[in-house]
Amino acid sequence: RHGDILRERGVVYAPDYVINAGGLVNVYGERHDWTSEQSHAKAGEIYETLLRIFELAEDEGVPTNVAADRLAEQRIADARRLMKSWV
């Protein structure tokens, strides 16, 4: 909700649902018998996702929370299209 203000003040905000994804990765890994190395590798992808969000925000001139939402919405849309192709 404060994304615009933070952007105007030059604060780079990492949306909480992105940086907290590591916990979800860990739980998923535990439930699917991943090794700790597999979980660490997957959680490590959060860094690349953040860089992509920061780049998208810069390119589109939007706050990082808006860029993160757009990226999440795109991923959901891609997953839905993929699921429809399996049916």
N, C-alpha and C. Protein backbone atom coordinates (compact mmCIF):
# COMPACT_ATOMS: atom_id res chain seq x y z
N ARG A 1 0.81 -1.19 0.00
CA ARG A 1 0.00 0.00 0.00
C ARG A 1 0.85 1.25 0.00
N HIS A 2 2.09 1.13 0.42
CA HIS A 2 2.98 2.29 0.45
C HIS A 2 4.04 2.24 -0.65
N GLY A 3 3.81 1.41 -1.64
CA GLY A 3 4.80 1.23 -2.70
C GLY A 3 5.19 2.50 -3.41
N ASP A 4 4.23 3.34 -3.73
CA ASP A 4 4.53 4.59 -4.43
C ASP A 4 5.39 5.52 -3.58
N ILE A 5 5.07 5.61 -2.30
CA ILE A 5 5.83 6.49 -1.40
C ILE A 5 7.26 5.99 -1.27
N LEU A 6 7.41 4.69 -1.07
CA LEU A 6 8.76 4.13 -0.95
C LEU A 6 9.57 4.39 -2.22
N ARG A 7 8.95 4.17 -3.37
CA ARG A 7 9.63 4.40 -4.65
C ARG A 7 10.07 5.85 -4.78
N GLU A 8 9.16 6.78 -4.44
CA GLU A 8 9.49 8.21 -4.52
C GLU A 8 10.66 8.58 -3.61
N ARG A 9 10.81 7.88 -2.50
CA ARG A 9 11.89 8.16 -1.56
C ARG A 9 13.16 7.38 -1.87
N GLY A 10 13.13 6.59 -2.93
CA GLY A 10 14.31 5.84 -3.33
C GLY A 10 14.56 4.58 -2.52
N VAL A 11 13.53 4.11 -1.83
CA VAL A 11 13.64 2.89 -1.04
C VAL A 11 13.29 1.69 -1.92
N VAL A 12 14.19 0.73 -1.98
CA VAL A 12 13.93 -0.49 -2.74
C VAL A 12 13.26 -1.47 -1.80
N TYR A 13 12.02 -1.77 -2.09
CA TYR A 13 11.20 -2.64 -1.25
C TYR A 13 11.12 -4.03 -1.86
N ALA A 14 11.44 -5.04 -1.07
CA ALA A 14 11.29 -6.43 -1.49
C ALA A 14 9.98 -6.92 -0.89
N PRO A 15 8.96 -7.15 -1.73
CA PRO A 15 7.65 -7.56 -1.21
C PRO A 15 7.75 -8.79 -0.31
N ASP A 16 7.03 -8.71 0.81
CA ASP A 16 7.15 -9.76 1.82
C ASP A 16 6.76 -11.14 1.30
N TYR A 17 5.76 -11.21 0.43
CA TYR A 17 5.37 -12.55 -0.03
C TYR A 17 6.43 -13.17 -0.93
N VAL A 18 7.33 -12.37 -1.45
CA VAL A 18 8.43 -12.92 -2.24
C VAL A 18 9.54 -13.41 -1.32
N ILE A 19 9.97 -12.56 -0.41
CA ILE A 19 11.09 -12.95 0.45
C ILE A 19 10.70 -14.03 1.46
N ASN A 20 9.42 -14.13 1.79
CA ASN A 20 8.98 -15.17 2.72
C ASN A 20 8.71 -16.51 2.02
N ALA A 21 8.89 -16.56 0.73
CA ALA A 21 8.62 -17.79 -0.01
C ALA A 21 9.55 -18.93 0.40
N GLY A 22 10.69 -18.61 0.98
CA GLY A 22 11.63 -19.64 1.41
C GLY A 22 11.00 -20.61 2.40
N GLY A 23 10.16 -20.10 3.28
CA GLY A 23 9.47 -20.97 4.23
C GLY A 23 8.54 -21.94 3.54
N LEU A 24 7.84 -21.46 2.53
CA LEU A 24 6.94 -22.33 1.76
C LEU A 24 7.72 -23.38 0.99
N VAL A 25 8.85 -22.97 0.44
CA VAL A 25 9.70 -23.92 -0.27
C VAL A 25 10.15 -25.02 0.68
N ASN A 26 10.54 -24.64 1.88
CA ASN A 26 11.01 -25.61 2.86
C ASN A 26 9.90 -26.61 3.23
N VAL A 27 8.71 -26.11 3.49
CA VAL A 27 7.59 -26.99 3.84
C VAL A 27 7.27 -27.92 2.67
N TYR A 28 7.22 -27.38 1.46
CA TYR A 28 6.95 -28.21 0.29
C TYR A 28 8.02 -29.30 0.17
N GLY A 29 9.27 -28.91 0.35
CA GLY A 29 10.36 -29.88 0.27
C GLY A 29 10.24 -30.98 1.30
N GLU A 30 9.87 -30.61 2.51
CA GLU A 30 9.69 -31.62 3.56
C GLU A 30 8.56 -32.59 3.21
N ARG A 31 7.50 -32.07 2.68
CA ARG A 31 6.34 -32.92 2.35
C ARG A 31 6.59 -33.82 1.14
N HIS A 32 7.58 -33.45 0.32
CA HIS A 32 7.88 -34.22 -0.88
C HIS A 32 9.26 -34.88 -0.82
N ASP A 33 9.76 -35.02 0.39
CA ASP A 33 11.02 -35.74 0.64
C ASP A 33 12.21 -35.20 -0.15
N TRP A 34 12.29 -33.88 -0.29
CA TRP A 34 13.45 -33.28 -0.92
C TRP A 34 14.63 -33.35 0.05
N THR A 35 15.82 -33.39 -0.51
CA THR A 35 17.01 -33.25 0.32
C THR A 35 17.14 -31.78 0.71
N SER A 36 17.97 -31.53 1.72
CA SER A 36 18.17 -30.13 2.12
C SER A 36 18.82 -29.35 0.99
N GLU A 37 19.65 -30.02 0.20
CA GLU A 37 20.29 -29.34 -0.94
C GLU A 37 19.25 -28.91 -1.97
N GLN A 38 18.26 -29.77 -2.21
CA GLN A 38 17.20 -29.42 -3.17
C GLN A 38 16.40 -28.22 -2.67
N SER A 39 16.07 -28.23 -1.39
CA SER A 39 15.31 -27.11 -0.81
C SER A 39 16.12 -25.83 -0.85
N HIS A 40 17.40 -25.90 -0.53
CA HIS A 40 18.25 -24.70 -0.56
C HIS A 40 18.36 -24.16 -1.99
N ALA A 41 18.50 -25.04 -2.94
CA ALA A 41 18.62 -24.61 -4.34
C ALA A 41 17.34 -23.90 -4.79
N LYS A 42 16.20 -24.49 -4.45
CA LYS A 42 14.92 -23.89 -4.85
C LYS A 42 14.72 -22.54 -4.15
N ALA A 43 15.03 -22.49 -2.86
CA ALA A 43 14.90 -21.23 -2.12
C ALA A 43 15.86 -20.18 -2.68
N GLY A 44 17.00 -20.62 -3.19
CA GLY A 44 17.96 -19.70 -3.77
C GLY A 44 17.44 -18.99 -5.00
N GLU A 45 16.42 -19.55 -5.62
CA GLU A 45 15.82 -18.91 -6.80
C GLU A 45 15.07 -17.63 -6.44
N ILE A 46 14.79 -17.44 -5.16
CA ILE A 46 14.11 -16.23 -4.72
C ILE A 46 14.95 -15.00 -5.06
N TYR A 47 16.25 -15.12 -4.94
CA TYR A 47 17.15 -14.01 -5.28
C TYR A 47 16.97 -13.59 -6.73
N GLU A 48 16.96 -14.57 -7.63
CA GLU A 48 16.78 -14.26 -9.06
C GLU A 48 15.41 -13.64 -9.32
N THR A 49 14.41 -14.12 -8.60
CA THR A 49 13.06 -13.56 -8.75
C THR A 49 13.05 -12.10 -8.31
N LEU A 50 13.71 -11.81 -7.20
CA LEU A 50 13.78 -10.42 -6.73
C LEU A 50 14.48 -9.52 -7.75
N LEU A 51 15.58 -10.00 -8.31
CA LEU A 51 16.26 -9.21 -9.33
C LEU A 51 15.34 -8.94 -10.52
N ARG A 52 14.57 -9.94 -10.90
CA ARG A 52 13.63 -9.77 -12.01
C ARG A 52 12.56 -8.74 -11.66
N ILE A 53 12.07 -8.78 -10.42
CA ILE A 53 11.08 -7.81 -9.97
C ILE A 53 11.65 -6.40 -9.99
N PHE A 54 12.88 -6.23 -9.48
CA PHE A 54 13.50 -4.92 -9.46
C PHE A 54 13.70 -4.39 -10.87
N GLU A 55 14.10 -5.26 -11.79
CA GLU A 55 14.29 -4.85 -13.18
C GLU A 55 12.96 -4.47 -13.83
N LEU A 56 11.94 -5.27 -13.60
CA LEU A 56 10.62 -4.98 -14.14
C LEU A 56 10.09 -3.65 -13.61
N ALA A 57 10.27 -3.41 -12.32
CA ALA A 57 9.83 -2.15 -11.72
C ALA A 57 10.53 -0.96 -12.36
N GLU A 58 11.83 -1.11 -12.55
CA GLU A 58 12.60 -0.03 -13.17
C GLU A 58 12.17 0.20 -14.61
N ASP A 59 12.05 -0.88 -15.38
CA ASP A 59 11.68 -0.77 -16.80
C ASP A 59 10.30 -0.17 -16.99
N GLU A 60 9.37 -0.52 -16.11
CA GLU A 60 7.99 -0.07 -16.27
C GLU A 60 7.66 1.17 -15.44
N GLY A 61 8.62 1.61 -14.62
CA GLY A 61 8.40 2.81 -13.81
C GLY A 61 7.32 2.63 -12.77
N VAL A 62 7.27 1.44 -12.17
CA VAL A 62 6.26 1.16 -11.15
C VAL A 62 6.95 0.73 -9.86
N PRO A 63 6.25 0.82 -8.73
CA PRO A 63 6.82 0.33 -7.48
C PRO A 63 7.06 -1.18 -7.54
N THR A 64 7.95 -1.67 -6.71
CA THR A 64 8.28 -3.09 -6.74
C THR A 64 7.11 -3.98 -6.35
N ASN A 65 6.21 -3.48 -5.49
CA ASN A 65 5.05 -4.30 -5.15
C ASN A 65 4.15 -4.52 -6.36
N VAL A 66 4.03 -3.52 -7.22
CA VAL A 66 3.24 -3.65 -8.44
C VAL A 66 3.93 -4.62 -9.40
N ALA A 67 5.24 -4.49 -9.54
CA ALA A 67 5.99 -5.40 -10.42
C ALA A 67 5.87 -6.83 -9.92
N ALA A 68 5.96 -7.04 -8.62
CA ALA A 68 5.85 -8.39 -8.05
C ALA A 68 4.46 -8.96 -8.31
N ASP A 69 3.45 -8.15 -8.15
CA ASP A 69 2.08 -8.62 -8.43
C ASP A 69 1.92 -8.99 -9.90
N ARG A 70 2.47 -8.18 -10.79
CA ARG A 70 2.38 -8.48 -12.22
C ARG A 70 3.09 -9.80 -12.56
N LEU A 71 4.26 -9.99 -11.98
CA LEU A 71 4.99 -11.23 -12.23
C LEU A 71 4.21 -12.42 -11.69
N ALA A 72 3.65 -12.29 -10.49
CA ALA A 72 2.85 -13.38 -9.91
C ALA A 72 1.63 -13.68 -10.77
N GLU A 73 0.95 -12.64 -11.22
CA GLU A 73 -0.23 -12.83 -12.07
C GLU A 73 0.14 -13.52 -13.38
N GLN A 74 1.29 -13.16 -13.93
CA GLN A 74 1.74 -13.80 -15.17
C GLN A 74 2.04 -15.27 -14.94
N ARG A 75 2.68 -15.59 -13.84
CA ARG A 75 2.99 -16.99 -13.53
C ARG A 75 1.72 -17.81 -13.34
N ILE A 76 0.73 -17.22 -12.68
CA ILE A 76 -0.55 -17.92 -12.49
C ILE A 76 -1.24 -18.14 -13.83
N ALA A 77 -1.24 -17.13 -14.68
CA ALA A 77 -1.85 -17.27 -16.01
C ALA A 77 -1.14 -18.34 -16.83
N ASP A 78 0.19 -18.35 -16.77
CA ASP A 78 0.96 -19.37 -17.49
C ASP A 78 0.62 -20.77 -16.99
N ALA A 79 0.50 -20.92 -15.67
CA ALA A 79 0.17 -22.23 -15.10
C ALA A 79 -1.22 -22.67 -15.52
N ARG A 80 -2.16 -21.74 -15.56
CA ARG A 80 -3.52 -22.08 -15.99
C ARG A 80 -3.53 -22.54 -17.45
N ARG A 81 -2.78 -21.84 -18.29
CA ARG A 81 -2.72 -22.24 -19.70
C ARG A 81 -2.10 -23.63 -19.84
N LEU A 82 -1.07 -23.88 -19.06
CA LEU A 82 -0.41 -25.19 -19.10
C LEU A 82 -1.37 -26.29 -18.65
N MET A 83 -2.12 -26.03 -17.59
CA MET A 83 -3.07 -27.03 -17.11
C MET A 83 -4.15 -27.30 -18.14
N LYS A 84 -4.62 -26.27 -18.83
CA LYS A 84 -5.64 -26.46 -19.85
C LYS A 84 -5.12 -27.30 -21.01
N SER A 85 -3.83 -27.19 -21.30
CA SER A 85 -3.27 -27.96 -22.41
C SER A 85 -3.17 -29.44 -22.06
N TRP A 86 -3.17 -29.78 -20.78
CA TRP A 86 -3.11 -31.18 -20.36
C TRP A 86 -4.46 -31.85 -20.40
N VAL A 87 -5.53 -31.05 -20.38
CA VAL A 87 -6.88 -31.61 -20.29
C VAL A 87 -7.39 -31.96 -21.66
